[in-house]
Amino acid sequence: MDVLHVSVLPDFILRLDYANGEQRQFDMKPLLQMSPWNRIAAPERFEKAYIDYGTVVWPGNIDIAPETLYADSIPLPRPSGQRVSA
């Protein structure tokens, strides 16, 4: 499932917009203690997240598997009437 857009929220949270219309939230804090993500543990580095090849990446060749992002993220509620396409 490809990520189309990422928003960096306070406290190392990512808000993810998926190709199927879903919006999900991913907490990066548990990963920031491990390599290679410990290199982006400072807010000014973490905020440089962007999308490449359907997943979230940071400068320095740091990324996270799209499957992990999806499986470990929390779905956000949709406004009433909004549907997700299959």
C-alpha atoms as a PDB file:
ATOM      1  CA  MET A   1       0.000   0.000   0.000  1.00  0.00           C
ATOM      2  CA  ASP A   2       1.700   3.195  -1.182  1.00  0.00           C
ATOM      3  CA  VAL A   3       1.934   6.295   0.966  1.00  0.00           C
ATOM      4  CA  LEU A   4       1.132   9.387  -1.101  1.00  0.00           C
ATOM      5  CA  HIS A   5       1.730  12.107   1.504  1.00  0.00           C
ATOM      6  CA  VAL A   6       3.287  12.421   4.946  1.00  0.00           C
ATOM      7  CA  SER A   7       2.702  15.136   7.533  1.00  0.00           C
ATOM      8  CA  VAL A   8       5.048  15.393  10.489  1.00  0.00           C
ATOM      9  CA  LEU A   9       3.130  16.051  13.700  1.00  0.00           C
ATOM     10  CA  PRO A  10       4.477  16.956  17.144  1.00  0.00           C
ATOM     11  CA  ASP A  11       6.003  14.248  19.335  1.00  0.00           C
ATOM     12  CA  PHE A  12       7.415  12.224  16.396  1.00  0.00           C
ATOM     13  CA  ILE A  13       4.049  11.258  14.916  1.00  0.00           C
ATOM     14  CA  LEU A  14       3.536  10.763  11.177  1.00  0.00           C
ATOM     15  CA  ARG A  15       0.180  11.303   9.523  1.00  0.00           C
ATOM     16  CA  LEU A  16       0.038   9.202   6.390  1.00  0.00           C
ATOM     17  CA  ASP A  17      -2.241   9.526   3.365  1.00  0.00           C
ATOM     18  CA  TYR A  18      -2.513   6.279   1.420  1.00  0.00           C
ATOM     19  CA  ALA A  19      -3.303   5.618  -2.239  1.00  0.00           C
ATOM     20  CA  ASN A  20      -6.581   3.936  -1.246  1.00  0.00           C
ATOM     21  CA  GLY A  21      -7.815   7.110   0.476  1.00  0.00           C
ATOM     22  CA  GLU A  22      -7.042   5.989   4.032  1.00  0.00           C
ATOM     23  CA  GLN A  23      -5.421   8.306   6.521  1.00  0.00           C
ATOM     24  CA  ARG A  24      -3.410   6.705   9.299  1.00  0.00           C
ATOM     25  CA  GLN A  25      -1.183   7.820  12.154  1.00  0.00           C
ATOM     26  CA  PHE A  26       2.186   6.215  12.982  1.00  0.00           C
ATOM     27  CA  ASP A  27       4.138   6.790  16.201  1.00  0.00           C
ATOM     28  CA  MET A  28       7.882   6.758  15.469  1.00  0.00           C
ATOM     29  CA  LYS A  29       9.025   7.175  19.091  1.00  0.00           C
ATOM     30  CA  PRO A  30       9.683   3.438  19.749  1.00  0.00           C
ATOM     31  CA  LEU A  31      11.905   3.194  16.658  1.00  0.00           C
ATOM     32  CA  LEU A  32      13.973   6.295  17.387  1.00  0.00           C
ATOM     33  CA  GLN A  33      16.040   4.398  19.944  1.00  0.00           C
ATOM     34  CA  MET A  34      17.238   1.929  17.290  1.00  0.00           C
ATOM     35  CA  SER A  35      19.594   2.230  14.366  1.00  0.00           C
ATOM     36  CA  PRO A  36      19.252   3.732  11.787  1.00  0.00           C
ATOM     37  CA  TRP A  37      16.317   5.793  13.058  1.00  0.00           C
ATOM     38  CA  ASN A  38      18.277   7.140  16.026  1.00  0.00           C
ATOM     39  CA  ARG A  39      19.930   9.447  13.457  1.00  0.00           C
ATOM     40  CA  ILE A  40      16.595  11.284  12.996  1.00  0.00           C
ATOM     41  CA  ALA A  41      15.667  11.490  16.702  1.00  0.00           C
ATOM     42  CA  ALA A  42      16.116  15.277  16.759  1.00  0.00           C
ATOM     43  CA  PRO A  43      12.962  17.187  15.723  1.00  0.00           C
ATOM     44  CA  GLU A  44      14.840  19.259  13.123  1.00  0.00           C
ATOM     45  CA  ARG A  45      15.956  16.051  11.378  1.00  0.00           C
ATOM     46  CA  PHE A  46      12.688  14.177  11.812  1.00  0.00           C
ATOM     47  CA  GLU A  47      10.762  17.039  10.191  1.00  0.00           C
ATOM     48  CA  LYS A  48      12.593  16.438   6.902  1.00  0.00           C
ATOM     49  CA  ALA A  49      10.480  13.358   6.122  1.00  0.00           C
ATOM     50  CA  TYR A  50       9.271  13.009   2.544  1.00  0.00           C
ATOM     51  CA  ILE A  51       7.778  10.361   0.253  1.00  0.00           C
ATOM     52  CA  ASP A  52       9.807   8.339  -2.213  1.00  0.00           C
ATOM     53  CA  TYR A  53       8.783   5.072  -3.874  1.00  0.00           C
ATOM     54  CA  GLY A  54       5.582   4.892  -1.820  1.00  0.00           C
ATOM     55  CA  THR A  55       7.121   5.107   1.644  1.00  0.00           C
ATOM     56  CA  VAL A  56       8.496   7.653   4.123  1.00  0.00           C
ATOM     57  CA  VAL A  57      12.180   8.500   3.836  1.00  0.00           C
ATOM     58  CA  TRP A  58      14.635  10.946   5.386  1.00  0.00           C
ATOM     59  CA  PRO A  59      17.916  12.380   4.144  1.00  0.00           C
ATOM     60  CA  GLY A  60      20.827   9.997   4.657  1.00  0.00           C
ATOM     61  CA  ASN A  61      19.092   6.961   3.120  1.00  0.00           C
ATOM     62  CA  ILE A  62      16.873   6.379   6.145  1.00  0.00           C
ATOM     63  CA  ASP A  63      13.470   4.867   5.461  1.00  0.00           C
ATOM     64  CA  ILE A  64      10.876   2.560   6.907  1.00  0.00           C
ATOM     65  CA  ALA A  65       9.136  -0.350   5.213  1.00  0.00           C
ATOM     66  CA  PRO A  66       5.696   0.604   3.915  1.00  0.00           C
ATOM     67  CA  GLU A  67       4.323  -2.660   5.312  1.00  0.00           C
ATOM     68  CA  THR A  68       5.489  -1.658   8.801  1.00  0.00           C
ATOM     69  CA  LEU A  69       3.965   1.788   8.468  1.00  0.00           C
ATOM     70  CA  TYR A  70       0.613   0.333   7.513  1.00  0.00           C
ATOM     71  CA  ALA A  71       0.532  -2.588   9.957  1.00  0.00           C
ATOM     72  CA  ASP A  72       1.618  -0.537  12.971  1.00  0.00           C
ATOM     73  CA  SER A  73      -0.377   2.615  12.285  1.00  0.00           C
ATOM     74  CA  ILE A  74      -3.756   3.650  13.613  1.00  0.00           C
ATOM     75  CA  PRO A  75      -6.553   4.479  11.160  1.00  0.00           C
ATOM     76  CA  LEU A  76      -7.884   7.998  11.475  1.00  0.00           C
ATOM     77  CA  PRO A  77     -11.626   8.602  11.366  1.00  0.00           C
ATOM     78  CA  ARG A  78     -13.024   9.816   8.071  1.00  0.00           C
ATOM     79  CA  PRO A  79     -15.566  12.561   7.762  1.00  0.00           C
ATOM     80  CA  SER A  80     -19.020  11.036   7.445  1.00  0.00           C
ATOM     81  CA  GLY A  81     -19.874  10.089   3.906  1.00  0.00           C
ATOM     82  CA  GLN A  82     -16.256   9.598   2.832  1.00  0.00           C
ATOM     83  CA  ARG A  83     -15.527   6.141   1.485  1.00  0.00           C
ATOM     84  CA  VAL A  84     -12.299   4.263   0.944  1.00  0.00           C
ATOM     85  CA  SER A  85     -11.856   2.685  -2.467  1.00  0.00           C
ATOM     86  CA  ALA A  86     -10.623  -0.874  -2.667  1.00  0.00           C
END
